Amino acid sequence: MRTVLVLAVSLAALAACGLRGDLERPMPLWGDPPLDGLSDPRVIKAAEEAAAAEEARLDAERRAADEARRLELEKAATAPAEAPAAAAPQ
């Protein structure tokens, strides 16, 4: 009787162990297995890196365009101020 009780308690304790929900496949410890498709972590990481690189490239282009626009505006703002000063000494 005591053996049955111990067995029932241990089975109940073991039934409560473990993860619940969807299990994710861990990365392999060695080797290079084939890609599993779009849900493969390597594919996801490569897509995220490509998106980050594209965002960095677009950000650099925006900064360069803003800097060029700022220089054009500074040149346009300083040109009229210099013209009357140059005309006065003559």
N, C-alpha and C. Protein backbone atom coordinates (compact mmCIF):
# COMPACT_ATOMS: atom_id res chain seq x y z
N MET A 1 0.82 -1.18 0.00
CA MET A 1 0.00 0.00 0.00
C MET A 1 0.88 1.26 0.00
N ARG A 2 1.89 1.20 0.82
CA ARG A 2 2.78 2.35 0.89
C ARG A 2 3.51 2.55 -0.44
N THR A 3 3.86 1.50 -1.12
CA THR A 3 4.54 1.59 -2.41
C THR A 3 3.64 2.23 -3.45
N VAL A 4 2.38 1.89 -3.44
CA VAL A 4 1.42 2.48 -4.39
C VAL A 4 1.27 3.97 -4.10
N LEU A 5 1.22 4.34 -2.84
CA LEU A 5 1.08 5.75 -2.47
C LEU A 5 2.32 6.54 -2.89
N VAL A 6 3.52 6.01 -2.66
CA VAL A 6 4.76 6.68 -3.06
C VAL A 6 4.82 6.79 -4.58
N LEU A 7 4.42 5.76 -5.28
CA LEU A 7 4.41 5.78 -6.74
C LEU A 7 3.42 6.82 -7.28
N ALA A 8 2.27 6.92 -6.68
CA ALA A 8 1.26 7.90 -7.12
C ALA A 8 1.75 9.33 -6.87
N VAL A 9 2.37 9.57 -5.72
CA VAL A 9 2.88 10.91 -5.41
C VAL A 9 4.01 11.27 -6.35
N SER A 10 4.92 10.33 -6.63
CA SER A 10 6.03 10.64 -7.53
C SER A 10 5.54 10.86 -8.96
N LEU A 11 4.55 10.12 -9.42
CA LEU A 11 4.00 10.36 -10.75
C LEU A 11 3.32 11.73 -10.83
N ALA A 12 2.63 12.12 -9.79
CA ALA A 12 1.99 13.44 -9.77
C ALA A 12 3.04 14.55 -9.78
N ALA A 13 4.14 14.33 -9.06
CA ALA A 13 5.20 15.34 -9.02
C ALA A 13 5.89 15.43 -10.38
N LEU A 14 6.12 14.29 -11.03
CA LEU A 14 6.76 14.31 -12.34
C LEU A 14 5.84 14.88 -13.42
N ALA A 15 4.56 14.71 -13.29
CA ALA A 15 3.61 15.24 -14.28
C ALA A 15 3.60 16.77 -14.27
N ALA A 16 3.93 17.38 -13.15
CA ALA A 16 3.93 18.83 -13.04
C ALA A 16 5.22 19.46 -13.55
N CYS A 17 6.22 18.66 -13.87
CA CYS A 17 7.50 19.19 -14.35
C CYS A 17 7.45 19.47 -15.84
N GLY A 18 8.34 20.32 -16.30
CA GLY A 18 8.50 20.53 -17.73
C GLY A 18 7.94 21.87 -18.20
N LEU A 19 8.22 22.15 -19.47
CA LEU A 19 7.75 23.39 -20.08
C LEU A 19 6.35 23.19 -20.64
N ARG A 20 5.61 24.28 -20.63
CA ARG A 20 4.27 24.22 -21.21
C ARG A 20 4.25 25.12 -22.44
N GLY A 21 3.40 24.79 -23.38
CA GLY A 21 3.29 25.60 -24.58
C GLY A 21 4.21 25.11 -25.67
N ASP A 22 4.41 25.96 -26.69
CA ASP A 22 5.25 25.59 -27.83
C ASP A 22 6.71 25.54 -27.41
N LEU A 23 7.38 24.51 -27.83
CA LEU A 23 8.80 24.36 -27.54
C LEU A 23 9.59 24.86 -28.75
N GLU A 24 10.65 25.60 -28.49
CA GLU A 24 11.51 26.10 -29.56
C GLU A 24 12.74 25.20 -29.67
N ARG A 25 13.13 24.96 -30.90
CA ARG A 25 14.30 24.12 -31.12
C ARG A 25 15.56 24.92 -30.82
N PRO A 26 16.44 24.40 -29.97
CA PRO A 26 17.67 25.15 -29.66
C PRO A 26 18.64 25.11 -30.83
N MET A 27 19.58 26.04 -30.81
CA MET A 27 20.63 26.06 -31.82
C MET A 27 21.52 24.84 -31.62
N PRO A 28 22.05 24.28 -32.70
CA PRO A 28 22.90 23.09 -32.56
C PRO A 28 24.21 23.42 -31.86
N LEU A 29 24.74 22.46 -31.14
CA LEU A 29 26.01 22.66 -30.44
C LEU A 29 27.19 22.58 -31.40
N TRP A 30 27.09 21.80 -32.46
CA TRP A 30 28.14 21.71 -33.47
C TRP A 30 27.49 21.37 -34.80
N GLY A 31 28.25 21.54 -35.87
CA GLY A 31 27.74 21.23 -37.20
C GLY A 31 26.93 22.39 -37.77
N ASP A 32 26.48 22.22 -38.98
CA ASP A 32 25.70 23.23 -39.66
C ASP A 32 24.50 22.55 -40.32
N PRO A 33 23.41 22.36 -39.58
CA PRO A 33 22.27 21.65 -40.15
C PRO A 33 21.60 22.48 -41.24
N PRO A 34 20.82 21.85 -42.13
CA PRO A 34 20.14 22.60 -43.17
C PRO A 34 19.12 23.56 -42.58
N LEU A 35 18.82 24.60 -43.31
CA LEU A 35 17.85 25.59 -42.84
C LEU A 35 16.45 24.98 -42.81
N ASP A 36 15.68 25.38 -41.79
CA ASP A 36 14.32 24.85 -41.63
C ASP A 36 13.28 25.71 -42.33
N GLY A 37 13.68 26.75 -42.98
CA GLY A 37 12.73 27.65 -43.64
C GLY A 37 12.73 29.00 -42.96
N LEU A 38 11.62 29.71 -43.07
CA LEU A 38 11.55 31.07 -42.53
C LEU A 38 11.57 31.11 -41.01
N SER A 39 11.24 30.02 -40.35
CA SER A 39 11.24 30.01 -38.89
C SER A 39 12.60 29.65 -38.30
N ASP A 40 13.57 29.35 -39.14
CA ASP A 40 14.91 29.00 -38.67
C ASP A 40 15.56 30.23 -38.04
N PRO A 41 16.16 30.11 -36.87
CA PRO A 41 16.78 31.27 -36.21
C PRO A 41 17.86 31.93 -37.04
N ARG A 42 18.59 31.15 -37.84
CA ARG A 42 19.64 31.74 -38.67
C ARG A 42 19.04 32.61 -39.77
N VAL A 43 17.92 32.18 -40.33
CA VAL A 43 17.25 32.97 -41.37
C VAL A 43 16.69 34.25 -40.77
N ILE A 44 16.09 34.15 -39.59
CA ILE A 44 15.53 35.32 -38.91
C ILE A 44 16.64 36.31 -38.58
N LYS A 45 17.77 35.82 -38.06
CA LYS A 45 18.88 36.69 -37.70
C LYS A 45 19.44 37.39 -38.93
N ALA A 46 19.58 36.65 -40.05
CA ALA A 46 20.10 37.26 -41.28
C ALA A 46 19.15 38.32 -41.80
N ALA A 47 17.84 38.08 -41.71
CA ALA A 47 16.86 39.07 -42.16
C ALA A 47 16.91 40.31 -41.28
N GLU A 48 17.06 40.13 -39.97
CA GLU A 48 17.15 41.28 -39.05
C GLU A 48 18.42 42.08 -39.32
N GLU A 49 19.53 41.40 -39.58
CA GLU A 49 20.79 42.10 -39.86
C GLU A 49 20.69 42.87 -41.18
N ALA A 50 20.05 42.27 -42.18
CA ALA A 50 19.88 42.96 -43.46
C ALA A 50 18.99 44.19 -43.30
N ALA A 51 17.93 44.07 -42.51
CA ALA A 51 17.05 45.21 -42.28
C ALA A 51 17.78 46.31 -41.51
N ALA A 52 18.60 45.94 -40.54
CA ALA A 52 19.35 46.93 -39.77
C ALA A 52 20.39 47.62 -40.66
N ALA A 53 21.04 46.87 -41.55
CA ALA A 53 22.02 47.48 -42.45
C ALA A 53 21.34 48.43 -43.43
N GLU A 54 20.18 48.06 -43.93
CA GLU A 54 19.44 48.94 -44.85
C GLU A 54 18.99 50.20 -44.13
N GLU A 55 18.53 50.06 -42.89
CA GLU A 55 18.11 51.23 -42.12
C GLU A 55 19.30 52.15 -41.85
N ALA A 56 20.47 51.58 -41.55
CA ALA A 56 21.67 52.38 -41.33
C ALA A 56 22.08 53.11 -42.62
N ARG A 57 21.96 52.42 -43.77
CA ARG A 57 22.31 53.05 -45.04
C ARG A 57 21.36 54.21 -45.34
N LEU A 58 20.06 54.00 -45.13
CA LEU A 58 19.09 55.07 -45.37
C LEU A 58 19.30 56.24 -44.41
N ASP A 59 19.64 55.92 -43.17
CA ASP A 59 19.89 56.98 -42.19
C ASP A 59 21.12 57.80 -42.59
N ALA A 60 22.17 57.13 -43.08
CA ALA A 60 23.37 57.84 -43.53
C ALA A 60 23.05 58.72 -44.74
N GLU A 61 22.23 58.22 -45.65
CA GLU A 61 21.84 59.03 -46.81
C GLU A 61 21.03 60.25 -46.37
N ARG A 62 20.11 60.06 -45.41
CA ARG A 62 19.32 61.19 -44.91
C ARG A 62 20.21 62.24 -44.25
N ARG A 63 21.18 61.75 -43.44
CA ARG A 63 22.08 62.71 -42.78
C ARG A 63 22.92 63.46 -43.80
N ALA A 64 23.39 62.78 -44.84
CA ALA A 64 24.19 63.44 -45.87
C ALA A 64 23.34 64.46 -46.64
N ALA A 65 22.11 64.12 -46.93
CA ALA A 65 21.21 65.06 -47.63
C ALA A 65 20.90 66.26 -46.75
N ASP A 66 20.68 66.02 -45.45
CA ASP A 66 20.42 67.13 -44.53
C ASP A 66 21.63 68.05 -44.41
N GLU A 67 22.82 67.46 -44.36
CA GLU A 67 24.04 68.26 -44.28
C GLU A 67 24.24 69.08 -45.55
N ALA A 68 23.98 68.48 -46.71
CA ALA A 68 24.11 69.21 -47.97
C ALA A 68 23.09 70.35 -48.04
N ARG A 69 21.87 70.08 -47.58
CA ARG A 69 20.84 71.12 -47.56
C ARG A 69 21.23 72.25 -46.60
N ARG A 70 21.81 71.88 -45.44
CA ARG A 70 22.23 72.90 -44.47
C ARG A 70 23.33 73.78 -45.06
N LEU A 71 24.29 73.15 -45.75
CA LEU A 71 25.38 73.92 -46.36
C LEU A 71 24.86 74.85 -47.46
N GLU A 72 23.89 74.37 -48.24
CA GLU A 72 23.29 75.22 -49.28
C GLU A 72 22.58 76.41 -48.67
N LEU A 73 21.84 76.16 -47.58
CA LEU A 73 21.13 77.26 -46.92
C LEU A 73 22.11 78.26 -46.30
N GLU A 74 23.21 77.76 -45.72
CA GLU A 74 24.22 78.66 -45.16
C GLU A 74 24.88 79.48 -46.27
N LYS A 75 25.15 78.86 -47.40
CA LYS A 75 25.76 79.56 -48.51
C LYS A 75 24.80 80.63 -49.06
N ALA A 76 23.51 80.29 -49.14
CA ALA A 76 22.52 81.24 -49.63
C ALA A 76 22.33 82.38 -48.64
N ALA A 77 22.45 82.10 -47.35
CA ALA A 77 22.25 83.14 -46.34
C ALA A 77 23.46 84.07 -46.25
N THR A 78 24.66 83.57 -46.47
CA THR A 78 25.85 84.42 -46.34
C THR A 78 26.16 85.17 -47.64
N ALA A 79 25.74 84.70 -48.78
CA ALA A 79 26.07 85.36 -50.05
C ALA A 79 25.50 86.77 -50.14
N PRO A 80 24.22 87.04 -49.84
CA PRO A 80 23.71 88.41 -49.93
C PRO A 80 24.38 89.34 -48.91
N ALA A 81 24.75 88.88 -47.75
CA ALA A 81 25.37 89.72 -46.75
C ALA A 81 26.76 90.16 -47.20
N GLU A 82 27.47 89.34 -47.93
CA GLU A 82 28.81 89.68 -48.41
C GLU A 82 28.76 90.61 -49.61
N ALA A 83 27.73 90.54 -50.42
CA ALA A 83 27.66 91.35 -51.65
C ALA A 83 27.62 92.85 -51.36
N PRO A 84 26.79 93.36 -50.45
CA PRO A 84 26.82 94.82 -50.19
C PRO A 84 28.14 95.28 -49.56
N ALA A 85 28.76 94.47 -48.75
CA ALA A 85 30.02 94.84 -48.12
C ALA A 85 31.11 94.94 -49.18
N ALA A 86 31.08 94.12 -50.19
CA ALA A 86 32.08 94.14 -51.24
C ALA A 86 31.84 95.34 -52.16
N ALA A 87 30.61 95.78 -52.32
CA ALA A 87 30.30 96.89 -53.21
C ALA A 87 30.64 98.24 -52.55
N ALA A 88 30.61 98.33 -51.25
CA ALA A 88 30.83 99.60 -50.57
C ALA A 88 32.27 100.12 -50.69
N PRO A 89 33.33 99.34 -50.60
CA PRO A 89 34.69 99.88 -50.67
C PRO A 89 35.05 100.43 -52.04
N GLN A 90 34.41 100.07 -53.06
CA GLN A 90 34.78 100.56 -54.40
C GLN A 90 34.38 101.94 -54.54
